[in-house]
Amino acid sequence: MAKSLHLTAFMRPVSLHTGAWRYPGSYADANFNFGHIKSFIQKLEAAKFDAFFMADHLALLNMPVDALVRSHTVTSFEPFTLLSALAAVTEKIGLAATASTTFDEPYHVARRFASLDHISNGRAAWNIVTTANPDSARNFGLDEHIEHGERYARAREFYDVVTGLWDSFADDAFIRDQESGIFFDVEKMHVLDHKGAELSVRGPLNIARPVQGWPVIVQAGQSEPGRQLAAETAELVFCSPRDLSAAKMLYADIKGRMPAFGRNPEYLRILPAALIVIGDTVDEARAKRDKLDSLVHYDSAIASLSIALGHDASGFDPDRPLPPIPETNASKTGRAQALRLAEEEKLTVRQLARRYGGYAGLAFVGTPQTITDDMEAWLADQAADGFTVVFPYLPQGLDDVTQRLIPELQRRGLFRRDYKGATLREHLGLPRPTNRFFG
């Protein structure tokens, strides 16, 4: 049987495009309207999406105030609060959330995700991030951001601790024998007692082992340390290659590293982010994209470019090429992609800023048929196992995908018509991890 696509929906914010909230017919308050978000996830579940994915920020984006006030992407619900509520109004769709290894503690992360996995009956996923926004550091008592390499070293140890805590109890430890009065078998409890270079955590976790064994592990970095962390730990990779060639190299690189760590590349799903704009014709879809991009104010655009570069671009001449940009502790992948895009397409600062102010990543703009052609080619060329769908505006952009694109993918046998299991691991075709302490 031919391979089929996996699809997750990027939903925090509800659209990454900063002009989305201004698009005609869009819900301007969607990030903070539970009724709207509930309707979105239920439509996605009806369309059989693998997961609803919530990224997170621990600060307002580091933009000037005049840019912040124009962007809907700066604030939204705290992911765990929202996903716990959404677990109660859905049955099958996965629930993925970001939790930072830089500004959180392993015990908190392990406990929250184990709880979400139990509440949802096995649908949780943890997106491991190291937090690139330097303003986040100031919200956690630091004057300067932690160095890039140090953040990834902590992340790797953090993963070991969290997964070790999830394995605190054997699957059958909680016998709950009312007659004898024995609630759990103490011989099936493990005290982690971790003491490492970055972290010291005793354990055990005060919650039963998650339904999935471990929630699905997601990783979102594309730098050299990020790729290495993905190869060692991830089961799903959220990434943002700009084109098919870059995606193929990233796909082969990450999966090619896995055997050295005793891991099977068949159990990793790589899902690039893709903005999807659908029209009756390709020209109509392009006109929609142009209309969307036109709604981005230059103040927001240049602020978004500054974030990507890790450097304030507001003083640059907007009608000249990008000047040399020094390296910082911000995301190295974002900086490299912006520099490459500017060079390859010979963009001025204004042109580059408009691209980043809206959405600078991979986009499929066309009819359901042409977009299905593109997705099928990426799958066949081993550039992706599916996609993390970014909606251009809501609700119409989401309805276009679920009502027009999904049926075409299903017609060609590229996407499921129904869920075959109940857990996120079953949706993704991933094995349940063995308990490292109890087998």
Protein backbone atom coordinates (compact mmCIF):
# COMPACT_ATOMS: atom_id res chain seq x y z
CA MET A 1 0.00 0.00 0.00
CA ALA A 2 1.31 3.49 -0.88
CA LYS A 3 2.42 5.81 1.89
CA SER A 4 -0.10 8.32 3.12
CA LEU A 5 0.36 11.79 4.53
CA HIS A 6 0.23 12.82 8.17
CA LEU A 7 -1.29 16.23 8.85
CA THR A 8 -1.16 18.37 11.96
CA ALA A 9 -2.66 21.83 12.32
CA PHE A 10 -0.59 24.74 13.64
CA MET A 11 -3.05 26.53 15.91
CA ARG A 12 -1.20 28.86 18.28
CA PRO A 13 -1.66 31.51 17.09
CA VAL A 14 -4.53 30.37 14.92
CA SER A 15 -2.61 31.71 11.92
CA LEU A 16 1.07 32.59 11.74
CA HIS A 17 0.35 35.19 9.07
CA THR A 18 0.19 38.56 10.80
CA GLY A 19 -2.39 39.86 8.34
CA ALA A 20 -4.80 36.99 9.01
CA TRP A 21 -6.95 38.80 11.56
CA ARG A 22 -7.64 41.63 9.06
CA TYR A 23 -8.66 39.40 6.15
CA PRO A 24 -12.32 39.89 5.14
CA GLY A 25 -14.57 37.46 7.02
CA SER A 26 -11.90 36.46 9.55
CA TYR A 27 -12.51 36.13 13.28
CA ALA A 28 -10.35 38.92 14.65
CA ASP A 29 -10.63 37.58 18.21
CA ALA A 30 -9.98 33.91 17.37
CA ASN A 31 -6.90 33.52 19.59
CA PHE A 32 -8.97 34.35 22.69
CA ASN A 33 -12.38 33.02 21.76
CA PHE A 34 -12.88 29.51 23.12
CA GLY A 35 -16.05 28.99 21.09
CA HIS A 36 -14.18 29.65 17.86
CA ILE A 37 -11.24 27.44 18.85
CA LYS A 38 -13.59 24.64 19.87
CA SER A 39 -15.23 24.80 16.43
CA PHE A 40 -11.79 24.73 14.74
CA ILE A 41 -10.59 21.60 16.51
CA GLN A 42 -13.88 19.79 15.95
CA LYS A 43 -13.67 20.53 12.21
CA LEU A 44 -10.09 19.26 12.19
CA GLU A 45 -11.10 16.09 14.00
CA ALA A 46 -13.96 15.52 11.54
CA ALA A 47 -11.36 15.83 8.76
CA LYS A 48 -9.20 13.21 10.59
CA PHE A 49 -6.16 15.41 11.26
CA ASP A 50 -3.46 13.73 13.35
CA ALA A 51 -3.07 16.56 15.84
CA PHE A 52 -3.88 20.10 16.92
CA PHE A 53 -0.51 21.75 17.62
CA MET A 54 -0.06 24.69 20.00
CA ALA A 55 3.25 26.48 19.96
CA ASP A 56 3.96 28.87 22.82
CA HIS A 57 5.78 32.08 23.71
CA LEU A 58 6.93 33.08 27.19
CA ALA A 59 7.01 36.80 26.39
CA LEU A 60 5.52 39.28 24.01
CA LEU A 61 7.47 38.99 20.79
CA ASN A 62 10.46 41.34 20.86
CA MET A 63 8.92 43.96 18.59
CA PRO A 64 8.57 47.72 18.99
CA VAL A 65 5.24 48.74 20.53
CA ASP A 66 3.95 50.26 17.29
CA ALA A 67 4.44 46.86 15.65
CA LEU A 68 3.06 44.86 18.56
CA VAL A 69 -0.24 46.68 18.46
CA ARG A 70 -0.76 45.59 14.84
CA SER A 71 -0.13 41.86 15.32
CA HIS A 72 -2.57 39.17 16.46
CA THR A 73 0.30 36.70 17.00
CA VAL A 74 1.67 38.19 20.23
CA THR A 75 -0.80 36.77 22.74
CA SER A 76 -3.09 33.77 23.15
CA PHE A 77 -4.26 31.21 25.71
CA GLU A 78 -1.76 29.23 27.80
CA PRO A 79 -1.54 25.88 25.96
CA PHE A 80 -2.19 23.40 28.79
CA THR A 81 -5.26 25.19 30.05
CA LEU A 82 -6.72 25.30 26.56
CA LEU A 83 -5.77 21.75 25.53
CA SER A 84 -7.23 20.32 28.73
CA ALA A 85 -10.53 22.02 27.90
CA LEU A 86 -10.35 20.85 24.27
CA ALA A 87 -9.68 17.27 25.38
CA ALA A 88 -13.18 17.24 26.83
CA VAL A 89 -14.86 18.24 23.55
CA THR A 90 -12.91 15.90 21.24
CA GLU A 91 -12.27 12.15 21.13
CA LYS A 92 -9.49 11.25 18.68
CA ILE A 93 -7.39 14.19 17.50
CA GLY A 94 -3.95 14.57 19.09
CA LEU A 95 -3.14 17.48 21.42
CA ALA A 96 0.40 18.83 21.06
CA ALA A 97 1.88 21.62 23.18
CA THR A 98 5.20 23.40 23.50
CA ALA A 99 7.02 23.39 26.84
CA SER A 100 10.38 25.11 27.19
CA THR A 101 13.38 23.26 28.59
CA THR A 102 15.09 26.58 29.28
CA PHE A 103 12.50 28.22 31.52
CA ASP A 104 10.66 25.28 33.07
CA GLU A 105 11.55 22.34 35.31
CA PRO A 106 11.43 18.67 34.27
CA TYR A 107 9.08 17.66 37.08
CA HIS A 108 6.51 20.28 36.04
CA VAL A 109 6.70 19.28 32.38
CA ALA A 110 6.51 15.55 33.12
CA ARG A 111 3.51 15.97 35.40
CA ARG A 112 1.56 18.28 33.08
CA PHE A 113 2.01 16.09 30.00
CA ALA A 114 1.26 12.89 31.91
CA SER A 115 -1.94 14.52 33.17
CA LEU A 116 -2.95 15.66 29.68
CA ASP A 117 -2.28 12.19 28.31
CA HIS A 118 -4.56 10.63 30.95
CA ILE A 119 -7.27 13.28 30.56
CA SER A 120 -7.31 12.80 26.77
CA ASN A 121 -6.99 8.99 26.86
CA GLY A 122 -3.62 8.98 25.12
CA ARG A 123 -3.53 11.97 22.80
CA ALA A 124 -0.76 14.20 24.22
CA ALA A 125 2.49 15.31 22.57
CA TRP A 126 5.36 17.41 23.97
CA ASN A 127 7.11 19.85 21.64
CA ILE A 128 10.61 20.30 23.07
CA VAL A 129 11.92 23.85 22.58
CA THR A 130 14.84 25.76 24.02
CA THR A 131 13.21 29.22 23.59
CA ALA A 132 14.87 31.62 21.16
CA ASN A 133 13.18 34.89 22.22
CA PRO A 134 15.63 36.85 24.43
CA ASP A 135 12.78 38.77 26.07
CA SER A 136 11.68 35.49 27.68
CA ALA A 137 14.86 35.48 29.76
CA ARG A 138 13.88 38.79 31.36
CA ASN A 139 10.57 37.29 32.47
CA PHE A 140 12.48 34.62 34.39
CA GLY A 141 14.98 36.73 36.30
CA LEU A 142 17.80 36.78 33.74
CA ASP A 143 19.37 39.90 32.23
CA GLU A 144 20.78 38.02 29.25
CA HIS A 145 19.58 35.07 27.20
CA ILE A 146 21.26 31.72 27.81
CA GLU A 147 23.80 30.81 25.11
CA HIS A 148 22.48 28.67 22.22
CA GLY A 149 24.69 25.62 22.82
CA GLU A 150 24.05 25.65 26.56
CA ARG A 151 20.28 25.70 25.95
CA TYR A 152 20.54 22.53 23.85
CA ALA A 153 22.79 20.76 26.37
CA ARG A 154 20.16 21.40 29.04
CA ALA A 155 17.40 20.26 26.65
CA ARG A 156 19.08 16.90 26.07
CA GLU A 157 19.40 16.17 29.78
CA PHE A 158 15.90 17.55 30.37
CA TYR A 159 14.49 14.95 27.95
CA ASP A 160 16.21 12.13 29.85
CA VAL A 161 14.75 13.34 33.13
CA VAL A 162 11.19 13.85 31.86
CA THR A 163 11.03 10.46 30.16
CA GLY A 164 12.60 8.87 33.23
CA LEU A 165 9.89 10.41 35.39
CA TRP A 166 7.20 9.10 33.03
CA ASP A 167 8.65 5.64 33.70
CA SER A 168 8.37 6.04 37.49
CA PHE A 169 5.72 3.32 37.68
CA ALA A 170 5.23 0.07 35.81
CA ASP A 171 2.06 0.01 33.70
CA ASP A 172 0.45 -2.42 36.15
CA ALA A 173 1.72 -0.80 39.35
CA PHE A 174 -1.67 0.53 40.46
CA ILE A 175 -3.52 -2.60 41.53
CA ARG A 176 -6.16 -0.78 43.63
CA ASP A 177 -7.10 -3.89 45.61
CA GLN A 178 -9.96 -2.73 47.83
CA GLU A 179 -10.08 -5.97 49.81
CA SER A 180 -6.40 -5.97 50.83
CA GLY A 181 -6.13 -2.21 51.00
CA ILE A 182 -3.12 -2.12 48.66
CA PHE A 183 -3.42 0.75 46.18
CA PHE A 184 -0.14 0.26 44.30
CA ASP A 185 2.75 -2.21 44.31
CA VAL A 186 5.79 -0.46 45.75
CA GLU A 187 8.05 -2.95 43.95
CA LYS A 188 6.81 -1.44 40.70
CA MET A 189 7.81 2.12 41.59
CA HIS A 190 11.19 3.55 40.56
CA VAL A 191 12.93 6.52 42.22
CA LEU A 192 14.85 8.29 39.43
CA ASP A 193 17.38 10.08 41.67
CA HIS A 194 18.92 11.95 38.71
CA LYS A 195 22.02 14.06 39.30
CA GLY A 196 23.48 15.51 36.13
CA ALA A 197 25.46 18.46 34.81
CA GLU A 198 22.37 20.69 34.53
CA LEU A 199 19.65 19.06 36.62
CA SER A 200 19.02 17.28 39.90
CA VAL A 201 15.64 15.53 40.25
CA ARG A 202 14.79 12.78 42.73
CA GLY A 203 11.35 11.57 41.63
CA PRO A 204 9.26 9.50 41.39
CA LEU A 205 6.52 11.31 39.49
CA ASN A 206 3.29 11.40 41.50
CA ILE A 207 1.07 10.19 38.67
CA ALA A 208 0.63 6.86 36.92
CA ARG A 209 2.54 6.14 33.73
CA PRO A 210 0.93 7.95 30.75
CA VAL A 211 -1.57 6.08 28.59
CA GLN A 212 0.85 6.17 25.64
CA GLY A 213 3.80 5.19 27.82
CA TRP A 214 5.27 8.54 26.89
CA PRO A 215 3.43 11.37 25.15
CA VAL A 216 4.74 11.73 21.58
CA ILE A 217 8.03 13.64 21.47
CA VAL A 218 8.08 16.58 19.04
CA GLN A 219 11.15 18.66 18.21
CA ALA A 220 11.21 21.97 16.34
CA GLY A 221 14.82 23.13 15.92
CA GLN A 222 16.74 23.04 12.62
CA SER A 223 20.17 24.25 13.76
CA GLU A 224 22.96 21.71 14.09
CA PRO A 225 22.18 21.11 17.80
CA GLY A 226 18.48 20.99 16.95
CA ARG A 227 18.98 18.30 14.30
CA GLN A 228 21.10 16.30 16.67
CA LEU A 229 18.49 16.55 19.42
CA ALA A 230 15.83 15.45 16.93
CA ALA A 231 17.88 12.43 15.84
CA GLU A 232 18.40 11.37 19.45
CA THR A 233 14.94 12.02 20.85
CA ALA A 234 12.17 13.07 18.45
CA GLU A 235 9.27 11.07 17.06
CA LEU A 236 7.82 14.00 15.13
CA VAL A 237 9.75 16.97 13.74
CA PHE A 238 8.10 20.32 13.09
CA CYS A 239 10.36 22.22 10.69
CA SER A 240 10.33 25.01 8.12
CA PRO A 241 12.42 24.26 5.01
CA ARG A 242 11.81 26.80 2.27
CA ASP A 243 11.64 24.45 -0.70
CA LEU A 244 11.75 20.82 -1.83
CA SER A 245 15.53 20.70 -2.15
CA ALA A 246 16.12 22.03 1.37
CA ALA A 247 13.46 19.70 2.75
CA LYS A 248 15.05 16.62 1.16
CA MET A 249 18.43 17.47 2.67
CA LEU A 250 16.93 18.08 6.11
CA TYR A 251 14.88 14.86 5.92
CA ALA A 252 17.90 12.74 4.92
CA ASP A 253 20.18 14.42 7.47
CA ILE A 254 17.98 13.91 10.54
CA LYS A 255 16.87 10.39 9.66
CA GLY A 256 20.43 9.48 8.64
CA ARG A 257 21.71 10.29 12.14
CA MET A 258 19.23 8.07 13.95
CA PRO A 259 20.83 4.61 13.54
CA ALA A 260 23.92 5.78 15.43
CA PHE A 261 21.67 6.11 18.48
CA GLY A 262 19.97 2.75 17.97
CA ARG A 263 16.85 4.40 16.59
CA ASN A 264 14.76 3.31 13.61
CA PRO A 265 14.19 6.17 11.09
CA GLU A 266 10.83 4.58 10.22
CA TYR A 267 9.58 5.78 13.59
CA LEU A 268 10.17 9.47 12.96
CA ARG A 269 7.64 11.69 11.18
CA ILE A 270 8.98 14.90 9.61
CA LEU A 271 6.19 17.43 8.98
CA PRO A 272 7.28 20.77 7.47
CA ALA A 273 5.09 23.80 8.08
CA ALA A 274 3.13 24.84 4.99
CA LEU A 275 0.78 27.78 4.47
CA ILE A 276 -2.11 26.58 2.30
CA VAL A 277 -4.13 29.04 0.21
CA ILE A 278 -6.85 27.51 -1.97
CA GLY A 279 -8.75 28.98 -4.92
CA ASP A 280 -10.91 27.77 -7.77
CA THR A 281 -7.93 28.55 -10.00
CA VAL A 282 -4.24 29.07 -9.31
CA ASP A 283 -4.60 32.75 -10.22
CA GLU A 284 -7.45 33.16 -7.73
CA ALA A 285 -5.38 31.53 -4.98
CA ARG A 286 -2.45 33.84 -5.76
CA ALA A 287 -4.77 36.84 -5.60
CA LYS A 288 -5.90 35.71 -2.15
CA ARG A 289 -2.28 35.46 -1.02
CA ASP A 290 -1.49 38.91 -2.42
CA LYS A 291 -4.52 40.37 -0.62
CA LEU A 292 -3.41 38.72 2.61
CA ASP A 293 0.15 40.02 2.33
CA SER A 294 -1.10 43.53 1.57
CA LEU A 295 -2.70 43.67 5.02
CA VAL A 296 0.69 43.58 6.82
CA HIS A 297 1.86 47.02 8.00
CA TYR A 298 5.55 47.84 7.48
CA ASP A 299 6.06 48.38 11.22
CA SER A 300 5.00 44.80 11.89
CA ALA A 301 6.92 43.53 8.89
CA ILE A 302 10.23 45.04 9.94
CA ALA A 303 9.70 43.85 13.51
CA SER A 304 9.16 40.28 12.28
CA LEU A 305 12.30 40.51 10.17
CA SER A 306 14.21 41.71 13.24
CA ILE A 307 13.09 38.61 15.15
CA ALA A 308 14.21 36.33 12.33
CA LEU A 309 17.60 38.03 12.13
CA GLY A 310 18.09 38.32 15.90
CA HIS A 311 19.03 41.93 15.18
CA ASP A 312 17.09 45.23 15.08
CA ALA A 313 16.42 45.97 11.39
CA SER A 314 14.30 49.09 11.94
CA GLY A 315 17.19 51.43 11.08
CA PHE A 316 18.03 49.78 7.77
CA ASP A 317 17.31 51.60 4.50
CA PRO A 318 14.11 49.84 3.35
CA ASP A 319 14.96 50.20 -0.34
CA ARG A 320 18.48 48.81 -0.24
CA PRO A 321 19.80 45.26 0.17
CA LEU A 322 20.23 43.78 3.64
CA PRO A 323 23.51 44.91 5.26
CA PRO A 324 25.84 42.47 7.12
CA ILE A 325 24.14 40.98 10.19
CA PRO A 326 26.15 39.90 13.28
CA GLU A 327 25.39 36.60 14.99
CA THR A 328 23.52 36.60 18.32
CA ASN A 329 22.12 34.01 20.74
CA ALA A 330 18.79 34.07 18.91
CA SER A 331 17.66 31.33 16.54
CA LYS A 332 20.49 30.53 14.13
CA THR A 333 18.17 28.75 11.72
CA GLY A 334 15.88 31.77 11.34
CA ARG A 335 18.82 34.10 10.73
CA ALA A 336 20.38 31.81 8.14
CA GLN A 337 17.11 31.39 6.25
CA ALA A 338 16.49 35.15 6.12
CA LEU A 339 19.99 35.84 4.82
CA ARG A 340 19.70 33.11 2.20
CA LEU A 341 16.27 34.30 1.02
CA ALA A 342 17.52 37.88 0.67
CA GLU A 343 20.55 36.74 -1.33
CA GLU A 344 18.80 34.21 -3.58
CA GLU A 345 15.93 36.51 -4.55
CA LYS A 346 17.91 39.78 -4.41
CA LEU A 347 15.32 41.32 -2.09
CA THR A 348 15.44 44.78 -0.60
CA VAL A 349 14.89 45.19 3.12
CA ARG A 350 11.29 46.27 2.42
CA GLN A 351 10.60 43.23 0.25
CA LEU A 352 12.19 40.86 2.73
CA ALA A 353 10.32 42.46 5.63
CA ARG A 354 6.97 42.13 3.88
CA ARG A 355 7.67 38.44 3.35
CA TYR A 356 8.56 37.95 7.03
CA GLY A 357 5.82 40.23 8.25
CA GLY A 358 3.24 37.98 6.64
CA TYR A 359 4.57 34.45 6.33
CA ALA A 360 8.01 33.68 4.92
CA GLY A 361 7.91 29.91 4.92
CA LEU A 362 6.81 27.20 2.54
CA ALA A 363 3.45 27.89 0.92
CA PHE A 364 1.20 25.81 -1.34
CA VAL A 365 -0.96 28.28 -3.25
CA GLY A 366 -3.33 26.82 -5.83
CA THR A 367 -6.32 24.56 -6.35
CA PRO A 368 -7.01 21.40 -4.33
CA GLN A 369 -5.67 19.43 -7.29
CA THR A 370 -2.39 21.35 -7.72
CA ILE A 371 -1.72 21.37 -3.98
CA THR A 372 -2.36 17.62 -3.81
CA ASP A 373 0.12 17.20 -6.69
CA ASP A 374 2.74 19.15 -4.71
CA MET A 375 2.16 17.24 -1.48
CA GLU A 376 2.30 13.92 -3.29
CA ALA A 377 5.64 14.91 -4.85
CA TRP A 378 7.11 15.84 -1.46
CA LEU A 379 6.01 12.52 -0.02
CA ALA A 380 7.39 10.53 -2.98
CA ASP A 381 10.71 12.40 -2.96
CA GLN A 382 11.28 11.72 0.76
CA ALA A 383 11.14 15.40 1.61
CA ALA A 384 8.32 14.99 4.15
CA ASP A 385 6.05 12.47 5.84
CA GLY A 386 3.26 15.02 5.81
CA PHE A 387 2.77 18.64 6.74
CA THR A 388 2.01 20.98 9.60
CA VAL A 389 -0.75 23.05 8.05
CA VAL A 390 -0.69 26.81 8.59
CA PHE A 391 -4.02 28.45 7.80
CA PRO A 392 -3.95 31.84 6.02
CA TYR A 393 -7.08 33.11 7.78
CA LEU A 394 -9.92 31.60 9.81
CA PRO A 395 -12.52 30.25 9.52
CA GLN A 396 -12.50 30.26 5.70
CA GLY A 397 -8.91 29.10 5.25
CA LEU A 398 -9.51 26.15 7.58
CA ASP A 399 -12.81 25.32 5.85
CA ASP A 400 -11.06 25.38 2.46
CA VAL A 401 -8.55 22.79 3.69
CA THR A 402 -11.01 20.50 5.46
CA GLN A 403 -13.81 20.70 2.88
CA ARG A 404 -11.83 20.97 -0.38
CA LEU A 405 -8.25 19.73 0.03
CA ILE A 406 -8.85 16.77 2.36
CA PRO A 407 -11.45 15.14 0.06
CA GLU A 408 -9.00 15.39 -2.86
CA LEU A 409 -6.19 13.84 -0.78
CA GLN A 410 -8.57 11.06 0.27
CA ARG A 411 -9.73 10.47 -3.30
CA ARG A 412 -6.11 9.81 -4.31
CA GLY A 413 -5.47 7.55 -1.33
CA LEU A 414 -3.03 10.00 0.27
CA PHE A 415 -4.91 10.60 3.52
CA ARG A 416 -7.03 8.50 5.88
CA ARG A 417 -10.81 8.46 5.71
CA ASP A 418 -11.07 7.51 9.39
CA TYR A 419 -8.86 7.03 12.42
CA LYS A 420 -7.64 3.46 12.86
CA GLY A 421 -6.90 3.82 16.57
CA ALA A 422 -7.59 6.00 19.57
CA THR A 423 -4.16 7.38 20.58
CA LEU A 424 -1.89 9.85 18.84
CA ARG A 425 0.80 7.18 18.59
CA GLU A 426 -1.65 5.00 16.70
CA HIS A 427 -2.51 7.86 14.33
CA LEU A 428 1.19 8.41 13.60
CA GLY A 429 2.12 4.72 13.42
CA LEU A 430 4.54 4.99 16.33
CA PRO A 431 5.31 2.20 18.84
CA ARG A 432 4.56 2.56 22.54
CA PRO A 433 7.87 3.01 24.42
CA THR A 434 9.07 0.24 26.72
CA ASN A 435 9.44 1.24 30.35
CA ARG A 436 13.20 1.52 30.82
CA PHE A 437 12.98 0.36 34.44
CA PHE A 438 10.28 -2.32 34.27
CA GLY A 439 10.39 -3.54 30.65
